[in-house]
Amino acid sequence: MTTSDVISTGALLTMGVIAFVLAMQYRSLYGIGQMIRDCKNATRWVPIWEMENRELRSALRAEKAHVEQLQRKLVLLQAMIPAA
């Protein structure tokens, strides 16, 4: 094997290692890019989720007030029933 063959083989192996490292970096960056896309998608939904949560909390407060009102009516009705 001549010196130029050794240099060519070394250069080819070095290029192979570089290509492998670049492929690993691409894979890593692709995963990071996917995480960024997922975060952007979730960010779009945040205002919608917040609005839904506000509506649900409001509905829950209304239901609790209704239950309290019904409980007060029940107490009044039970007081009207003569004790046997």
N, C-alpha and C. Protein backbone atom coordinates (compact mmCIF):
# COMPACT_ATOMS: atom_id res chain seq x y z
N MET A 1 0.84 -1.16 0.00
CA MET A 1 0.00 0.00 0.00
C MET A 1 0.90 1.24 0.00
N THR A 2 0.59 2.14 -0.87
CA THR A 2 1.42 3.34 -0.97
C THR A 2 0.92 4.40 0.01
N THR A 3 1.70 5.43 0.12
CA THR A 3 1.36 6.51 1.05
C THR A 3 0.05 7.17 0.64
N SER A 4 -0.15 7.36 -0.64
CA SER A 4 -1.40 8.00 -1.10
C SER A 4 -2.61 7.10 -0.80
N ASP A 5 -2.44 5.76 -0.87
CA ASP A 5 -3.53 4.85 -0.53
C ASP A 5 -3.87 4.96 0.96
N VAL A 6 -2.87 5.05 1.80
CA VAL A 6 -3.10 5.18 3.24
C VAL A 6 -3.82 6.49 3.55
N ILE A 7 -3.35 7.56 2.90
CA ILE A 7 -3.98 8.87 3.12
C ILE A 7 -5.42 8.85 2.62
N SER A 8 -5.66 8.24 1.46
CA SER A 8 -7.02 8.16 0.91
C SER A 8 -7.92 7.34 1.83
N THR A 9 -7.40 6.21 2.33
CA THR A 9 -8.19 5.37 3.24
C THR A 9 -8.48 6.12 4.54
N GLY A 10 -7.51 6.81 5.07
CA GLY A 10 -7.71 7.60 6.28
C GLY A 10 -8.73 8.71 6.08
N ALA A 11 -8.65 9.36 4.93
CA ALA A 11 -9.60 10.42 4.63
C ALA A 11 -11.01 9.85 4.48
N LEU A 12 -11.13 8.69 3.85
CA LEU A 12 -12.43 8.05 3.69
C LEU A 12 -13.02 7.66 5.04
N LEU A 13 -12.20 7.10 5.92
CA LEU A 13 -12.67 6.74 7.25
C LEU A 13 -13.08 7.98 8.04
N THR A 14 -12.29 9.04 7.91
CA THR A 14 -12.62 10.30 8.60
C THR A 14 -13.95 10.85 8.09
N MET A 15 -14.17 10.81 6.80
CA MET A 15 -15.44 11.27 6.24
C MET A 15 -16.60 10.40 6.73
N GLY A 16 -16.35 9.12 6.85
CA GLY A 16 -17.39 8.22 7.37
C GLY A 16 -17.75 8.56 8.81
N VAL A 17 -16.72 8.83 9.63
CA VAL A 17 -16.97 9.21 11.03
C VAL A 17 -17.74 10.53 11.08
N ILE A 18 -17.34 11.48 10.25
CA ILE A 18 -18.03 12.77 10.20
C ILE A 18 -19.49 12.59 9.79
N ALA A 19 -19.72 11.75 8.77
CA ALA A 19 -21.09 11.50 8.31
C ALA A 19 -21.91 10.86 9.43
N PHE A 20 -21.31 9.94 10.18
CA PHE A 20 -22.01 9.29 11.28
C PHE A 20 -22.37 10.31 12.37
N VAL A 21 -21.41 11.16 12.72
CA VAL A 21 -21.66 12.20 13.75
C VAL A 21 -22.75 13.14 13.27
N LEU A 22 -22.71 13.54 12.00
CA LEU A 22 -23.75 14.42 11.47
C LEU A 22 -25.12 13.75 11.51
N ALA A 23 -25.17 12.46 11.19
CA ALA A 23 -26.45 11.74 11.26
C ALA A 23 -26.98 11.70 12.69
N MET A 24 -26.10 11.50 13.67
CA MET A 24 -26.53 11.49 15.08
C MET A 24 -27.02 12.88 15.50
N GLN A 25 -26.31 13.93 15.04
CA GLN A 25 -26.74 15.30 15.36
C GLN A 25 -28.09 15.60 14.73
N TYR A 26 -28.29 15.16 13.50
CA TYR A 26 -29.57 15.37 12.83
C TYR A 26 -30.69 14.70 13.60
N ARG A 27 -30.44 13.49 14.03
CA ARG A 27 -31.46 12.75 14.80
C ARG A 27 -31.80 13.49 16.09
N SER A 28 -30.78 13.98 16.77
CA SER A 28 -31.00 14.71 18.00
C SER A 28 -31.76 16.02 17.73
N LEU A 29 -31.36 16.75 16.71
CA LEU A 29 -32.02 18.01 16.39
C LEU A 29 -33.45 17.78 15.91
N TYR A 30 -33.69 16.68 15.22
CA TYR A 30 -35.06 16.37 14.79
C TYR A 30 -35.96 16.18 16.00
N GLY A 31 -35.45 15.48 17.01
CA GLY A 31 -36.23 15.28 18.24
C GLY A 31 -36.51 16.61 18.94
N ILE A 32 -35.52 17.48 18.98
CA ILE A 32 -35.71 18.81 19.59
C ILE A 32 -36.73 19.61 18.77
N GLY A 33 -36.62 19.54 17.46
CA GLY A 33 -37.58 20.23 16.59
C GLY A 33 -38.99 19.73 16.81
N GLN A 34 -39.14 18.43 17.00
CA GLN A 34 -40.47 17.85 17.26
C GLN A 34 -41.02 18.37 18.59
N MET A 35 -40.16 18.47 19.59
CA MET A 35 -40.60 19.02 20.88
C MET A 35 -41.05 20.46 20.72
N ILE A 36 -40.33 21.24 19.93
CA ILE A 36 -40.71 22.65 19.70
C ILE A 36 -42.06 22.72 19.00
N ARG A 37 -42.27 21.88 17.99
CA ARG A 37 -43.55 21.88 17.29
C ARG A 37 -44.68 21.49 18.24
N ASP A 38 -44.45 20.51 19.11
CA ASP A 38 -45.47 20.11 20.08
C ASP A 38 -45.78 21.25 21.05
N CYS A 39 -44.75 21.97 21.48
CA CYS A 39 -44.96 23.10 22.39
C CYS A 39 -45.75 24.21 21.71
N LYS A 40 -45.44 24.50 20.45
CA LYS A 40 -46.18 25.52 19.72
C LYS A 40 -47.65 25.12 19.58
N ASN A 41 -47.87 23.85 19.30
CA ASN A 41 -49.25 23.36 19.16
C ASN A 41 -49.98 23.48 20.50
N ALA A 42 -49.33 23.12 21.58
CA ALA A 42 -49.96 23.22 22.90
C ALA A 42 -50.21 24.68 23.25
N THR A 43 -49.31 25.57 22.85
CA THR A 43 -49.47 27.00 23.13
C THR A 43 -50.71 27.54 22.45
N ARG A 44 -51.03 27.04 21.28
CA ARG A 44 -52.25 27.49 20.59
C ARG A 44 -53.50 27.08 21.36
N TRP A 45 -53.43 25.96 22.06
CA TRP A 45 -54.61 25.46 22.77
C TRP A 45 -54.79 26.07 24.15
N VAL A 46 -53.74 26.69 24.71
CA VAL A 46 -53.80 27.22 26.08
C VAL A 46 -54.96 28.20 26.28
N PRO A 47 -55.16 29.20 25.40
CA PRO A 47 -56.29 30.11 25.63
C PRO A 47 -57.64 29.39 25.60
N ILE A 48 -57.76 28.41 24.74
CA ILE A 48 -59.01 27.65 24.67
C ILE A 48 -59.23 26.88 25.96
N TRP A 49 -58.17 26.23 26.46
CA TRP A 49 -58.30 25.48 27.71
C TRP A 49 -58.63 26.40 28.88
N GLU A 50 -58.00 27.59 28.90
CA GLU A 50 -58.28 28.55 29.98
C GLU A 50 -59.73 29.00 29.94
N MET A 51 -60.26 29.27 28.73
CA MET A 51 -61.65 29.68 28.61
C MET A 51 -62.58 28.56 29.07
N GLU A 52 -62.29 27.34 28.66
CA GLU A 52 -63.10 26.20 29.09
C GLU A 52 -63.06 26.05 30.61
N ASN A 53 -61.88 26.22 31.20
CA ASN A 53 -61.76 26.11 32.65
C ASN A 53 -62.58 27.19 33.35
N ARG A 54 -62.53 28.42 32.83
CA ARG A 54 -63.34 29.50 33.42
C ARG A 54 -64.82 29.17 33.33
N GLU A 55 -65.25 28.67 32.17
CA GLU A 55 -66.66 28.31 32.00
C GLU A 55 -67.06 27.18 32.94
N LEU A 56 -66.19 26.19 33.08
CA LEU A 56 -66.50 25.07 33.97
C LEU A 56 -66.55 25.51 35.42
N ARG A 57 -65.62 26.38 35.83
CA ARG A 57 -65.64 26.88 37.21
C ARG A 57 -66.91 27.69 37.47
N SER A 58 -67.31 28.49 36.49
CA SER A 58 -68.53 29.27 36.63
C SER A 58 -69.74 28.35 36.75
N ALA A 59 -69.80 27.33 35.91
CA ALA A 59 -70.91 26.37 35.98
C ALA A 59 -70.91 25.64 37.31
N LEU A 60 -69.74 25.31 37.82
CA LEU A 60 -69.64 24.62 39.11
C LEU A 60 -70.15 25.52 40.24
N ARG A 61 -69.77 26.80 40.19
CA ARG A 61 -70.27 27.75 41.22
C ARG A 61 -71.79 27.84 41.15
N ALA A 62 -72.33 27.90 39.94
CA ALA A 62 -73.79 27.97 39.78
C ALA A 62 -74.45 26.71 40.33
N GLU A 63 -73.87 25.56 40.06
CA GLU A 63 -74.44 24.30 40.57
C GLU A 63 -74.39 24.24 42.09
N LYS A 64 -73.27 24.70 42.66
CA LYS A 64 -73.15 24.71 44.13
C LYS A 64 -74.20 25.62 44.74
N ALA A 65 -74.41 26.80 44.12
CA ALA A 65 -75.42 27.73 44.62
C ALA A 65 -76.80 27.11 44.52
N HIS A 66 -77.06 26.39 43.44
CA HIS A 66 -78.35 25.74 43.27
C HIS A 66 -78.55 24.65 44.32
N VAL A 67 -77.52 23.88 44.59
CA VAL A 67 -77.60 22.83 45.61
C VAL A 67 -77.87 23.45 46.98
N GLU A 68 -77.18 24.54 47.29
CA GLU A 68 -77.41 25.21 48.57
C GLU A 68 -78.84 25.71 48.68
N GLN A 69 -79.35 26.26 47.59
CA GLN A 69 -80.73 26.73 47.58
C GLN A 69 -81.70 25.58 47.80
N LEU A 70 -81.47 24.47 47.14
CA LEU A 70 -82.34 23.30 47.32
C LEU A 70 -82.24 22.76 48.74
N GLN A 71 -81.06 22.79 49.32
CA GLN A 71 -80.92 22.31 50.70
C GLN A 71 -81.67 23.22 51.66
N ARG A 72 -81.64 24.53 51.44
CA ARG A 72 -82.41 25.45 52.30
C ARG A 72 -83.90 25.19 52.16
N LYS A 73 -84.37 24.96 50.93
CA LYS A 73 -85.78 24.65 50.72
C LYS A 73 -86.17 23.36 51.42
N LEU A 74 -85.28 22.38 51.38
CA LEU A 74 -85.54 21.10 52.04
C LEU A 74 -85.68 21.29 53.54
N VAL A 75 -84.80 22.09 54.12
CA VAL A 75 -84.87 22.36 55.57
C VAL A 75 -86.20 23.03 55.90
N LEU A 76 -86.61 24.00 55.08
CA LEU A 76 -87.88 24.68 55.33
C LEU A 76 -89.05 23.71 55.20
N LEU A 77 -89.03 22.86 54.19
CA LEU A 77 -90.12 21.89 54.01
C LEU A 77 -90.15 20.88 55.15
N GLN A 78 -88.98 20.46 55.60
CA GLN A 78 -88.96 19.51 56.71
C GLN A 78 -89.47 20.16 57.99
N ALA A 79 -89.23 21.45 58.15
CA ALA A 79 -89.72 22.17 59.33
C ALA A 79 -91.24 22.30 59.27
N MET A 80 -91.81 22.32 58.07
CA MET A 80 -93.27 22.46 57.94
C MET A 80 -94.00 21.16 58.21
N ILE A 81 -93.32 20.03 58.08
CA ILE A 81 -93.95 18.72 58.31
C ILE A 81 -94.08 18.54 59.83
N PRO A 82 -95.29 18.25 60.30
CA PRO A 82 -95.45 18.06 61.73
C PRO A 82 -94.73 16.80 62.21
N ALA A 83 -94.10 16.91 63.32
CA ALA A 83 -93.40 15.76 63.89
C ALA A 83 -94.43 14.79 64.43
N ALA A 84 -94.28 13.52 64.14
CA ALA A 84 -95.28 12.54 64.58
C ALA A 84 -94.92 11.98 65.94
